[in-house]
């Protein structure tokens, strides 16, 4: 994921293929449903990724 991906996510422009890829990677038992723990882990991972990208954007703007 890069800065343009973050912008697309924030603008609601992420395509269904990207969302499907994220979903498949989180679906550990491959039943096409996320358990409560899988949802929590996915949310945690995505929030961390988003914060990392926001920090990267901030650092880039300071330069």
Protein backbone atom coordinates (compact mmCIF):
# COMPACT_ATOMS: atom_id res chain seq x y z
CA UNK A 1 0.00 0.00 0.00
CA UNK A 2 1.31 3.44 -0.85
CA UNK A 3 0.21 7.04 -0.45
CA UNK A 4 -2.15 6.94 -3.45
CA UNK A 5 -3.78 3.79 -2.01
CA UNK A 6 -4.36 5.63 1.27
CA UNK A 7 -5.88 8.59 -0.56
CA UNK A 8 -8.15 6.23 -2.50
CA UNK A 9 -9.20 4.51 0.72
CA UNK A 10 -9.99 7.84 2.35
CA UNK A 11 -12.02 8.93 -0.69
CA UNK A 12 -13.86 5.61 -0.95
CA UNK A 13 -12.22 4.78 -4.27
CA UNK A 14 -10.73 1.39 -3.40
CA UNK A 15 -11.82 -1.16 -5.98
CA UNK A 16 -13.53 -4.42 -5.13
CA UNK A 17 -10.51 -6.48 -6.20
CA UNK A 18 -8.30 -4.77 -3.62
CA UNK A 19 -10.91 -5.26 -0.91
CA UNK A 20 -11.28 -8.93 -1.89
CA UNK A 21 -7.51 -9.41 -1.62
CA UNK A 22 -7.48 -7.86 1.85
CA UNK A 23 -10.45 -9.99 2.88
CA UNK A 24 -8.88 -13.24 1.60
CA UNK A 25 -5.65 -12.54 3.48
CA UNK A 26 -7.60 -12.12 6.73
CA UNK A 27 -9.87 -15.15 6.22
CA UNK A 28 -7.66 -17.72 7.96
CA UNK A 29 -10.10 -20.63 7.85
CA UNK A 30 -11.11 -19.85 4.24
CA UNK A 31 -14.87 -19.94 4.91
CA UNK A 32 -15.44 -16.49 3.33
CA UNK A 33 -16.55 -15.13 6.70
CA UNK A 34 -14.43 -13.31 9.23
CA UNK A 35 -14.69 -14.27 12.86
CA UNK A 36 -14.74 -11.62 15.55
CA UNK A 37 -11.01 -12.17 16.19
CA UNK A 38 -10.19 -12.04 12.46
CA UNK A 39 -12.12 -8.77 12.09
CA UNK A 40 -10.32 -7.32 15.10
CA UNK A 41 -6.93 -8.38 13.71
CA UNK A 42 -7.74 -7.01 10.26
CA UNK A 43 -8.94 -3.70 11.69
CA UNK A 44 -5.80 -3.46 13.85
CA UNK A 45 -3.56 -4.21 10.86
CA UNK A 46 -5.31 -1.72 8.59
CA UNK A 47 -5.28 1.00 11.25
CA UNK A 48 -1.54 0.48 11.81
CA UNK A 49 -0.89 0.56 8.06
CA UNK A 50 -2.94 3.74 7.75
CA UNK A 51 -1.04 5.41 10.61
CA UNK A 52 2.29 4.40 9.06
CA UNK A 53 1.26 5.92 5.74
CA UNK A 54 0.00 9.09 7.39
CA UNK A 55 3.35 9.43 9.18
CA UNK A 56 5.13 8.86 5.88
CA UNK A 57 3.03 11.60 4.24
CA UNK A 58 3.73 13.97 7.13
CA UNK A 59 7.47 13.29 6.96
CA UNK A 60 7.45 13.78 3.18
CA UNK A 61 5.64 17.12 3.51
CA UNK A 62 8.22 18.36 6.02
CA UNK A 63 11.07 17.83 3.55
